[in-house]
N, C-alpha and C. Protein backbone atom coordinates (compact mmCIF):
# COMPACT_ATOMS: atom_id res chain seq x y z
N MET A 1 13.99 -27.58 -2.24
CA MET A 1 13.27 -26.56 -2.99
C MET A 1 11.80 -26.49 -2.54
N GLU A 2 11.18 -27.67 -2.39
CA GLU A 2 9.79 -27.71 -1.99
C GLU A 2 9.62 -27.22 -0.55
N MET A 3 10.62 -27.47 0.28
CA MET A 3 10.58 -27.02 1.67
C MET A 3 10.61 -25.49 1.73
N MET A 4 11.37 -24.88 0.82
CA MET A 4 11.47 -23.43 0.80
C MET A 4 10.13 -22.80 0.39
N GLN A 5 9.44 -23.41 -0.56
CA GLN A 5 8.14 -22.91 -0.98
C GLN A 5 7.11 -23.06 0.14
N MET A 6 7.21 -24.17 0.87
CA MET A 6 6.30 -24.39 1.99
C MET A 6 6.52 -23.34 3.07
N ARG A 7 7.77 -23.05 3.37
CA ARG A 7 8.10 -22.04 4.39
C ARG A 7 7.63 -20.66 3.95
N LEU A 8 7.80 -20.34 2.66
CA LEU A 8 7.33 -19.06 2.13
C LEU A 8 5.81 -18.94 2.25
N CYS A 9 5.11 -20.01 1.93
CA CYS A 9 3.66 -20.00 2.04
C CYS A 9 3.22 -19.83 3.49
N ILE A 10 3.86 -20.51 4.42
CA ILE A 10 3.53 -20.40 5.84
C ILE A 10 3.81 -18.98 6.34
N ASN A 11 4.95 -18.42 5.92
CA ASN A 11 5.27 -17.06 6.33
C ASN A 11 4.23 -16.06 5.83
N ARG A 12 3.79 -16.23 4.59
CA ARG A 12 2.77 -15.33 4.04
C ARG A 12 1.45 -15.47 4.79
N CYS A 13 1.09 -16.70 5.12
CA CYS A 13 -0.16 -16.92 5.88
C CYS A 13 -0.07 -16.28 7.26
N ILE A 14 1.07 -16.39 7.91
CA ILE A 14 1.25 -15.79 9.23
C ILE A 14 1.16 -14.27 9.14
N VAL A 15 1.79 -13.69 8.13
CA VAL A 15 1.74 -12.24 7.96
C VAL A 15 0.31 -11.78 7.70
N LEU A 16 -0.41 -12.51 6.86
CA LEU A 16 -1.80 -12.16 6.59
C LEU A 16 -2.67 -12.28 7.85
N ALA A 17 -2.44 -13.30 8.64
CA ALA A 17 -3.22 -13.49 9.87
C ALA A 17 -2.94 -12.37 10.87
N VAL A 18 -1.68 -12.01 11.03
CA VAL A 18 -1.32 -10.92 11.96
C VAL A 18 -1.89 -9.61 11.47
N THR A 19 -1.79 -9.35 10.17
CA THR A 19 -2.35 -8.12 9.60
C THR A 19 -3.86 -8.06 9.81
N PHE A 20 -4.53 -9.17 9.60
CA PHE A 20 -5.98 -9.23 9.80
C PHE A 20 -6.34 -8.94 11.26
N LEU A 21 -5.60 -9.53 12.19
CA LEU A 21 -5.89 -9.30 13.61
C LEU A 21 -5.65 -7.85 14.01
N VAL A 22 -4.59 -7.25 13.49
CA VAL A 22 -4.31 -5.85 13.82
C VAL A 22 -5.40 -4.94 13.26
N LEU A 23 -5.79 -5.17 12.02
CA LEU A 23 -6.84 -4.35 11.42
C LEU A 23 -8.18 -4.54 12.13
N MET A 24 -8.49 -5.75 12.54
CA MET A 24 -9.72 -6.00 13.30
C MET A 24 -9.67 -5.26 14.64
N ASN A 25 -8.49 -5.21 15.25
CA ASN A 25 -8.34 -4.50 16.51
C ASN A 25 -8.62 -3.01 16.31
N PHE A 26 -8.12 -2.43 15.22
CA PHE A 26 -8.40 -1.02 14.94
C PHE A 26 -9.88 -0.79 14.64
N TYR A 27 -10.52 -1.79 14.05
CA TYR A 27 -11.94 -1.66 13.73
C TYR A 27 -12.81 -1.74 14.99
N LEU A 28 -12.46 -2.62 15.91
CA LEU A 28 -13.29 -2.86 17.08
C LEU A 28 -13.00 -1.88 18.22
N ALA A 29 -11.74 -1.55 18.45
CA ALA A 29 -11.39 -0.74 19.62
C ALA A 29 -11.94 0.69 19.59
N PRO A 30 -11.86 1.42 18.47
CA PRO A 30 -12.28 2.82 18.51
C PRO A 30 -13.74 3.04 18.89
N LYS A 31 -14.60 2.04 18.73
CA LYS A 31 -16.01 2.24 19.05
C LYS A 31 -16.18 2.69 20.49
N SER A 32 -15.42 2.11 21.40
CA SER A 32 -15.55 2.51 22.80
C SER A 32 -14.55 3.60 23.16
N VAL A 33 -13.31 3.44 22.71
CA VAL A 33 -12.25 4.37 23.12
C VAL A 33 -12.47 5.76 22.55
N VAL A 34 -12.74 5.85 21.26
CA VAL A 34 -12.91 7.15 20.62
C VAL A 34 -14.19 7.82 21.11
N ALA A 35 -15.24 7.05 21.29
CA ALA A 35 -16.48 7.63 21.80
C ALA A 35 -16.27 8.20 23.20
N TYR A 36 -15.52 7.48 24.02
CA TYR A 36 -15.26 7.96 25.38
C TYR A 36 -14.43 9.24 25.35
N ASN A 37 -13.37 9.25 24.53
CA ASN A 37 -12.52 10.43 24.45
C ASN A 37 -13.26 11.61 23.83
N THR A 38 -14.09 11.36 22.85
CA THR A 38 -14.86 12.45 22.22
C THR A 38 -15.84 13.04 23.22
N LYS A 39 -16.43 12.19 24.03
CA LYS A 39 -17.35 12.68 25.06
C LYS A 39 -16.62 13.58 26.04
N ASN A 40 -15.42 13.18 26.43
CA ASN A 40 -14.63 14.01 27.35
C ASN A 40 -14.25 15.34 26.70
N LEU A 41 -13.89 15.31 25.43
CA LEU A 41 -13.52 16.55 24.75
C LEU A 41 -14.72 17.47 24.63
N THR A 42 -15.88 16.91 24.38
CA THR A 42 -17.08 17.74 24.27
C THR A 42 -17.37 18.43 25.59
N THR A 43 -17.24 17.70 26.69
CA THR A 43 -17.46 18.29 28.01
C THR A 43 -16.46 19.40 28.27
N MET A 44 -15.20 19.16 27.91
CA MET A 44 -14.17 20.18 28.12
C MET A 44 -14.45 21.39 27.25
N ASN A 45 -14.94 21.17 26.04
CA ASN A 45 -15.25 22.28 25.13
C ASN A 45 -16.37 23.14 25.71
N ILE A 46 -17.39 22.51 26.26
CA ILE A 46 -18.50 23.25 26.86
C ILE A 46 -18.01 24.04 28.06
N MET A 47 -17.16 23.42 28.89
CA MET A 47 -16.63 24.12 30.06
C MET A 47 -15.78 25.31 29.64
N ALA A 48 -14.99 25.15 28.58
CA ALA A 48 -14.15 26.25 28.09
C ALA A 48 -15.02 27.40 27.59
N LYS A 49 -16.09 27.07 26.88
CA LYS A 49 -17.00 28.13 26.40
C LYS A 49 -17.64 28.87 27.57
N GLN A 50 -18.01 28.13 28.62
CA GLN A 50 -18.61 28.76 29.79
C GLN A 50 -17.61 29.68 30.48
N ASP A 51 -16.36 29.24 30.58
CA ASP A 51 -15.32 30.08 31.19
C ASP A 51 -15.10 31.35 30.38
N ILE A 52 -15.11 31.22 29.05
CA ILE A 52 -14.90 32.39 28.19
C ILE A 52 -16.05 33.38 28.36
N THR A 53 -17.28 32.87 28.38
CA THR A 53 -18.43 33.77 28.53
C THR A 53 -18.43 34.44 29.90
N LYS A 54 -17.97 33.72 30.93
CA LYS A 54 -17.89 34.33 32.26
C LYS A 54 -16.85 35.46 32.29
N SER A 55 -15.69 35.19 31.67
CA SER A 55 -14.64 36.21 31.69
C SER A 55 -15.04 37.41 30.84
N VAL A 56 -15.76 37.20 29.75
CA VAL A 56 -16.20 38.31 28.91
C VAL A 56 -17.26 39.13 29.64
N SER A 57 -18.17 38.44 30.35
CA SER A 57 -19.23 39.16 31.04
C SER A 57 -18.69 39.95 32.23
N LYS A 58 -17.59 39.51 32.82
CA LYS A 58 -16.98 40.26 33.93
C LYS A 58 -16.40 41.58 33.43
N ASN A 59 -15.82 41.56 32.24
CA ASN A 59 -15.21 42.76 31.68
C ASN A 59 -16.29 43.62 31.10
């Protein structure tokens, strides 16, 4: 009986540790990844606006 409680406690600790590591990964990773992707999207947005203004000015 005591062995089962010990195993349950260890399993809960492992789940909490894995959950903590995953959440920390989501907290740390987006700072570089999202900023990089947002920068690329902004550049693409500016290029798209320039293309639209060029096509409108041609007509």
